[in-house]
Amino acid sequence: MKARLRHWLNGRSPQGAQITLSQRCIFVLPSRFALAFLLTLLLILLVGINYQHSLAYGLVFLLLSLFFITLLHSFRNLSGLTISAEANPPVFAGGLVSFRVRLLSHKRAHQAIRIGFDKNTLQLLDVPAAGSIRLELEYPADQRGWLKPEPLLIESLFPLGLWRVWSHVRLEQRVLVYPRPLAGDCPLSTGSADSEGEQQAAGIGVDDFQGLRDWQPGHSLARIHWKAFSRGGELLVKEFSALQGAQPWLDFSALQGDHETRLSLLCHQVLKRCDSTEPFGLRLPDQDIPAGHGDSHRAICLQALALYGRAP
């Protein structure tokens, strides 16, 4: 029965980046206070019948009509409310994710709305008429990779607490969780496609003289071979190349421990080395990230560590 009920509820739980609550996905049941309220009305009715007291009848019927009228107001308080997901920055494993959510009212105000991922972390707020409220909901980030939260619970006991109106929505939002940084020794590998530790000429530089070539418009006058030109030769320019050593690599296979420990060590080293201007590369079993530095290189490396062995 629980499995069938869960399947039925999931079928009526809307999913999307922006969801507007309607009668299809709103559930209404009497609250615990409502049960005590009805029991009190029953006792008053029994007293009125026993003593033939017309005032007791009138009080019971008045309060009972109020009970059913608040049903409509409770439903309207949640109906028409729009919930939209916003982008979330990446976090590190072991912390808390603050999922950003915006509540929007198109016409009327929505009062005493409680929202959260479980009953223990519900936040109470009011959404003004034709206005919006932005809030952040905390969610634990225990593992690296893409994190998708549980369905969002939205409920209200407005106006008198006699009816509990709620809905579960599944917002299409996720956040990238990086590995937990772990300080430790992480030896650098200087291997390259040619040979380890060997310097090689790469590009145009000023270190090593390579030869002469014909002058072309745009070449620097400082590199013209004036001695050859003074002897009646053609205009020639000197060509140099820069000597470049093998770039340092953070190598997954050079570390000890299980996969998660290695990824945590690499994560710490990426954060540490991206603060300097020295370029480095990252070598994982499934991909190699060329040498670089700066914020963009850090984001690429951390994303590769977070998604290693995970579904994209």
Protein backbone atom coordinates (compact mmCIF):
# COMPACT_ATOMS: atom_id res chain seq x y z
CA MET A 1 0.00 0.00 0.00
CA LYS A 2 2.86 2.39 0.78
CA ALA A 3 4.46 1.70 -2.60
CA ARG A 4 1.17 2.30 -4.41
CA LEU A 5 0.55 5.49 -2.46
CA ARG A 6 4.09 6.73 -3.21
CA HIS A 7 3.62 5.96 -6.90
CA TRP A 8 0.30 7.81 -6.95
CA LEU A 9 1.80 10.83 -5.19
CA ASN A 10 4.78 10.93 -7.58
CA GLY A 11 2.38 10.94 -10.50
CA ARG A 12 0.67 14.02 -9.09
CA SER A 13 3.89 15.83 -8.14
CA PRO A 14 4.75 18.37 -10.86
CA GLN A 15 8.25 18.57 -12.22
CA GLY A 16 10.02 21.45 -13.99
CA ALA A 17 12.18 24.52 -13.59
CA GLN A 18 9.07 26.63 -12.85
CA ILE A 19 5.88 25.21 -11.36
CA THR A 20 2.53 26.85 -10.63
CA LEU A 21 0.43 25.05 -8.03
CA SER A 22 -3.10 24.05 -9.06
CA GLN A 23 -5.86 21.73 -7.87
CA ARG A 24 -4.14 18.78 -9.54
CA CYS A 25 -1.12 18.85 -7.22
CA ILE A 26 -2.57 20.35 -4.01
CA PHE A 27 -3.68 18.02 -1.21
CA VAL A 28 -6.03 19.02 1.63
CA LEU A 29 -6.72 17.13 4.86
CA PRO A 30 -7.98 18.16 8.31
CA SER A 31 -5.23 18.94 10.78
CA ARG A 32 -4.87 17.48 14.27
CA PHE A 33 -6.35 20.64 15.67
CA ALA A 34 -9.36 20.13 13.37
CA LEU A 35 -10.03 16.71 14.89
CA ALA A 36 -10.11 18.22 18.38
CA PHE A 37 -12.31 21.02 17.02
CA LEU A 38 -14.85 18.54 15.60
CA LEU A 39 -14.84 16.53 18.81
CA THR A 40 -15.65 19.69 20.75
CA LEU A 41 -18.53 20.47 18.40
CA LEU A 42 -19.86 16.96 18.92
CA LEU A 43 -19.83 17.41 22.69
CA ILE A 44 -21.62 20.76 22.40
CA LEU A 45 -24.21 19.15 20.13
CA LEU A 46 -24.84 16.35 22.63
CA VAL A 47 -25.29 18.90 25.40
CA GLY A 48 -27.73 20.88 23.26
CA ILE A 49 -29.74 17.76 22.46
CA ASN A 50 -29.84 16.70 26.12
CA TYR A 51 -30.99 20.07 27.42
CA GLN A 52 -32.92 21.15 24.30
CA HIS A 53 -30.81 24.32 24.16
CA SER A 54 -31.30 26.19 20.90
CA LEU A 55 -28.23 28.40 21.49
CA ALA A 56 -26.04 25.29 21.56
CA TYR A 57 -27.49 24.23 18.18
CA GLY A 58 -26.79 27.64 16.73
CA LEU A 59 -23.19 27.63 18.02
CA VAL A 60 -22.51 24.16 16.58
CA PHE A 61 -23.92 25.02 13.14
CA LEU A 62 -22.04 28.35 13.08
CA LEU A 63 -18.70 26.76 13.91
CA LEU A 64 -19.32 23.87 11.53
CA SER A 65 -20.01 26.28 8.66
CA LEU A 66 -16.81 28.12 9.58
CA PHE A 67 -14.96 24.80 9.40
CA PHE A 68 -16.02 24.20 5.78
CA ILE A 69 -15.58 27.82 4.70
CA THR A 70 -11.95 27.77 5.83
CA LEU A 71 -11.42 24.80 3.53
CA LEU A 72 -11.85 27.07 0.51
CA HIS A 73 -9.61 29.80 1.96
CA SER A 74 -6.90 27.29 2.83
CA PHE A 75 -6.88 25.91 -0.71
CA ARG A 76 -6.85 29.38 -2.32
CA ASN A 77 -3.92 30.38 -0.13
CA LEU A 78 -1.69 27.82 -1.89
CA SER A 79 -3.33 27.73 -5.32
CA GLY A 80 -1.70 29.93 -7.97
CA LEU A 81 1.64 30.16 -6.20
CA THR A 82 4.60 29.82 -8.60
CA ILE A 83 7.88 28.21 -7.56
CA SER A 84 10.95 28.61 -9.77
CA ALA A 85 14.50 27.28 -9.45
CA GLU A 86 17.60 29.44 -9.79
CA ALA A 87 21.21 28.62 -10.61
CA ASN A 88 23.43 27.39 -7.78
CA PRO A 89 27.23 27.73 -7.51
CA PRO A 90 29.34 24.57 -7.00
CA VAL A 91 30.26 23.47 -3.48
CA PHE A 92 32.65 21.01 -1.87
CA ALA A 93 31.59 17.66 -0.45
CA GLY A 94 30.91 17.60 3.27
CA GLY A 95 29.22 21.00 3.35
CA LEU A 96 25.74 22.34 2.81
CA VAL A 97 24.21 23.39 -0.51
CA SER A 98 22.01 26.48 -0.51
CA PHE A 99 19.43 25.80 -3.21
CA ARG A 100 18.02 29.10 -4.44
CA VAL A 101 14.25 29.19 -4.91
CA ARG A 102 11.92 32.05 -5.83
CA LEU A 103 8.23 32.17 -4.89
CA LEU A 104 6.05 34.36 -7.10
CA SER A 105 2.50 35.60 -6.60
CA HIS A 106 0.56 36.66 -9.68
CA LYS A 107 -2.52 38.22 -8.02
CA ARG A 108 -3.37 37.66 -4.36
CA ALA A 109 -1.07 37.35 -1.38
CA HIS A 110 -0.07 33.98 0.01
CA GLN A 111 0.29 33.98 3.78
CA ALA A 112 1.98 31.70 6.30
CA ILE A 113 3.61 29.48 3.66
CA ARG A 114 6.05 26.89 4.97
CA ILE A 115 8.61 25.47 2.56
CA GLY A 116 11.54 23.08 2.87
CA PHE A 117 12.91 19.66 1.97
CA ASP A 118 11.57 18.03 5.14
CA LYS A 119 9.34 18.92 8.06
CA ASN A 120 12.29 19.70 10.32
CA THR A 121 13.72 22.47 8.12
CA LEU A 122 10.59 24.29 6.99
CA GLN A 123 10.85 28.07 6.60
CA LEU A 124 7.81 30.26 7.30
CA LEU A 125 7.20 33.22 5.01
CA ASP A 126 4.58 35.42 3.34
CA VAL A 127 4.47 36.17 -0.38
CA PRO A 128 3.01 39.64 -1.10
CA ALA A 129 0.36 40.20 -3.75
CA ALA A 130 1.92 40.49 -7.24
CA GLY A 131 5.35 40.14 -5.64
CA SER A 132 8.08 37.58 -5.13
CA ILE A 133 10.26 36.18 -2.38
CA ARG A 134 13.74 34.69 -2.88
CA LEU A 135 15.05 32.21 -0.34
CA GLU A 136 17.85 29.68 0.09
CA LEU A 137 17.16 26.15 1.31
CA GLU A 138 20.03 24.19 2.81
CA TYR A 139 20.66 20.61 1.74
CA PRO A 140 23.56 18.32 2.74
CA ALA A 141 26.19 17.59 0.08
CA ASP A 142 27.70 14.27 1.13
CA GLN A 143 29.12 12.98 -2.16
CA ARG A 144 30.83 14.54 -5.15
CA GLY A 145 29.14 14.76 -8.56
CA TRP A 146 25.81 16.22 -9.58
CA LEU A 147 23.45 16.60 -6.63
CA LYS A 148 19.69 16.61 -7.16
CA PRO A 149 17.59 17.37 -4.07
CA GLU A 150 14.52 15.56 -2.81
CA PRO A 151 11.06 16.87 -3.77
CA LEU A 152 10.27 20.22 -2.17
CA LEU A 153 7.51 20.33 0.46
CA ILE A 154 5.20 23.36 0.47
CA GLU A 155 2.41 23.52 3.04
CA SER A 156 0.14 25.93 4.90
CA LEU A 157 -2.26 25.88 7.85
CA PHE A 158 -3.70 29.30 7.04
CA PRO A 159 -6.09 30.77 8.13
CA LEU A 160 -7.21 28.99 11.32
CA GLY A 161 -5.08 25.85 11.35
CA LEU A 162 -8.09 23.60 10.71
CA TRP A 163 -6.88 22.32 7.34
CA ARG A 164 -3.41 21.24 6.26
CA VAL A 165 -2.82 22.09 2.60
CA TRP A 166 0.39 20.83 1.01
CA SER A 167 2.11 19.91 -2.21
CA HIS A 168 5.34 18.17 -3.29
CA VAL A 169 7.17 19.67 -6.27
CA ARG A 170 10.28 18.38 -8.01
CA LEU A 171 12.24 21.35 -9.26
CA GLU A 172 14.70 20.72 -12.08
CA GLN A 173 17.79 22.04 -10.36
CA ARG A 174 21.11 20.49 -9.53
CA VAL A 175 24.46 21.60 -8.18
CA LEU A 176 27.98 20.34 -8.87
CA VAL A 177 29.72 19.00 -5.77
CA TYR A 178 33.54 18.98 -5.84
CA PRO A 179 35.57 16.41 -3.87
CA ARG A 180 36.41 17.25 -0.29
CA PRO A 181 39.91 18.88 -0.26
CA LEU A 182 42.47 16.80 1.61
CA ALA A 183 45.92 18.16 2.42
CA GLY A 184 48.81 15.80 1.73
CA ASP A 185 51.85 15.06 -0.39
CA CYS A 186 51.16 15.01 -4.11
CA PRO A 187 54.30 14.52 -6.24
CA LEU A 188 54.37 16.26 -9.60
CA SER A 189 54.93 14.23 -12.73
CA THR A 190 56.93 15.88 -15.54
CA GLY A 191 56.25 13.27 -18.17
CA SER A 192 55.47 14.45 -21.70
CA ALA A 193 54.65 12.92 -25.01
CA ASP A 194 58.36 12.89 -25.98
CA SER A 195 60.49 12.07 -22.95
CA GLU A 196 60.53 12.97 -19.27
CA GLY A 197 62.57 15.93 -18.12
CA GLU A 198 63.77 16.71 -21.64
CA GLN A 199 63.69 20.26 -22.95
CA GLN A 200 62.31 20.86 -26.39
CA ALA A 201 62.01 23.81 -28.74
CA ALA A 202 58.50 25.13 -28.98
CA GLY A 203 57.21 28.19 -30.85
CA ILE A 204 58.91 31.48 -31.58
CA GLY A 205 61.10 32.80 -28.78
CA VAL A 206 64.42 34.45 -28.02
CA ASP A 207 66.46 31.62 -26.49
CA ASP A 208 67.95 29.44 -29.23
CA PHE A 209 69.13 30.61 -32.68
CA GLN A 210 67.55 28.41 -35.35
CA GLY A 211 68.71 30.05 -38.61
CA LEU A 212 67.88 32.71 -41.17
CA ARG A 213 64.90 33.20 -43.44
CA ASP A 214 63.69 35.75 -45.94
CA TRP A 215 62.41 39.06 -44.61
CA GLN A 216 58.66 39.64 -44.83
CA PRO A 217 56.67 42.82 -44.17
CA GLY A 218 55.88 43.00 -40.49
CA HIS A 219 59.06 41.39 -39.21
CA SER A 220 60.91 43.28 -36.49
CA LEU A 221 63.81 45.44 -37.70
CA ALA A 222 65.85 44.32 -34.71
CA ARG A 223 66.02 40.78 -36.12
CA ILE A 224 67.34 41.75 -39.56
CA HIS A 225 70.79 40.31 -40.31
CA TRP A 226 72.43 43.64 -41.18
CA LYS A 227 75.89 42.17 -41.73
CA ALA A 228 74.66 39.98 -44.55
CA PHE A 229 72.71 42.87 -46.05
CA SER A 230 75.79 45.17 -45.90
CA ARG A 231 77.75 42.67 -47.98
CA GLY A 232 75.18 43.03 -50.72
CA GLY A 233 72.99 40.16 -49.73
CA GLU A 234 69.24 39.98 -49.40
CA LEU A 235 67.27 41.07 -46.41
CA LEU A 236 67.26 38.15 -43.99
CA VAL A 237 65.88 37.88 -40.47
CA LYS A 238 67.17 35.80 -37.58
CA GLU A 239 64.83 33.12 -36.27
CA PHE A 240 64.89 31.97 -32.64
CA SER A 241 62.91 29.40 -30.67
CA ALA A 242 62.09 29.17 -26.98
CA LEU A 243 63.32 26.23 -24.95
CA GLN A 244 60.42 24.80 -23.01
CA GLY A 245 60.72 22.13 -20.34
CA ALA A 246 58.15 19.43 -19.74
CA GLN A 247 55.08 20.83 -17.99
CA PRO A 248 54.34 19.58 -14.43
CA TRP A 249 51.37 17.24 -14.08
CA LEU A 250 49.15 16.32 -11.17
CA ASP A 251 48.88 12.60 -11.86
CA PHE A 252 46.10 10.43 -10.43
CA SER A 253 48.11 7.23 -10.93
CA ALA A 254 51.09 8.60 -8.96
CA LEU A 255 49.09 8.73 -5.71
CA GLN A 256 48.31 6.08 -3.11
CA GLY A 257 44.93 5.19 -1.62
CA ASP A 258 41.43 4.63 -2.91
CA HIS A 259 39.83 6.70 -5.64
CA GLU A 260 38.11 9.18 -3.34
CA THR A 261 41.29 9.81 -1.34
CA ARG A 262 43.27 10.47 -4.52
CA LEU A 263 40.62 12.83 -5.84
CA SER A 264 40.58 14.72 -2.53
CA LEU A 265 44.37 15.10 -2.63
CA LEU A 266 44.23 16.33 -6.21
CA CYS A 267 41.45 18.76 -5.32
CA HIS A 268 43.59 20.32 -2.59
CA GLN A 269 46.56 20.63 -4.95
CA VAL A 270 44.45 22.24 -7.68
CA LEU A 271 43.21 24.88 -5.24
CA LYS A 272 46.72 25.47 -3.98
CA ARG A 273 48.48 25.71 -7.35
CA CYS A 274 45.84 27.83 -9.07
CA ASP A 275 46.68 30.63 -6.65
CA SER A 276 50.08 30.94 -8.33
CA THR A 277 50.95 31.75 -11.94
CA GLU A 278 52.84 28.49 -12.53
CA PRO A 279 50.94 26.37 -15.08
CA PHE A 280 50.20 22.71 -14.43
CA GLY A 281 48.23 19.91 -16.01
CA LEU A 282 45.87 17.32 -14.56
CA ARG A 283 46.07 13.68 -15.59
CA LEU A 284 43.19 11.34 -14.81
CA PRO A 285 42.70 7.77 -16.05
CA ASP A 286 39.98 8.87 -18.47
CA GLN A 287 41.29 12.27 -19.60
CA ASP A 288 44.22 14.69 -19.62
CA ILE A 289 43.72 18.41 -19.02
CA PRO A 290 46.49 20.51 -20.62
CA ALA A 291 48.61 22.81 -18.52
CA GLY A 292 47.13 26.14 -17.51
CA HIS A 293 46.47 28.42 -14.56
CA GLY A 294 43.88 30.87 -13.29
CA ASP A 295 40.22 30.68 -12.36
CA SER A 296 39.04 29.09 -15.61
CA HIS A 297 41.65 26.34 -15.39
CA ARG A 298 40.70 25.70 -11.77
CA ALA A 299 37.02 25.35 -12.67
CA ILE A 300 37.84 22.87 -15.47
CA CYS A 301 40.05 20.75 -13.21
CA LEU A 302 37.60 20.72 -10.29
CA GLN A 303 34.73 19.73 -12.58
CA ALA A 304 36.80 16.87 -13.99
CA LEU A 305 37.56 15.67 -10.46
CA ALA A 306 33.91 15.95 -9.41
CA LEU A 307 32.58 13.99 -12.39
CA TYR A 308 35.29 11.32 -12.54
CA GLY A 309 33.47 7.98 -12.71
CA ARG A 310 30.08 9.72 -12.49
CA ALA A 311 27.34 10.15 -15.06
CA PRO A 312 27.59 13.56 -16.82
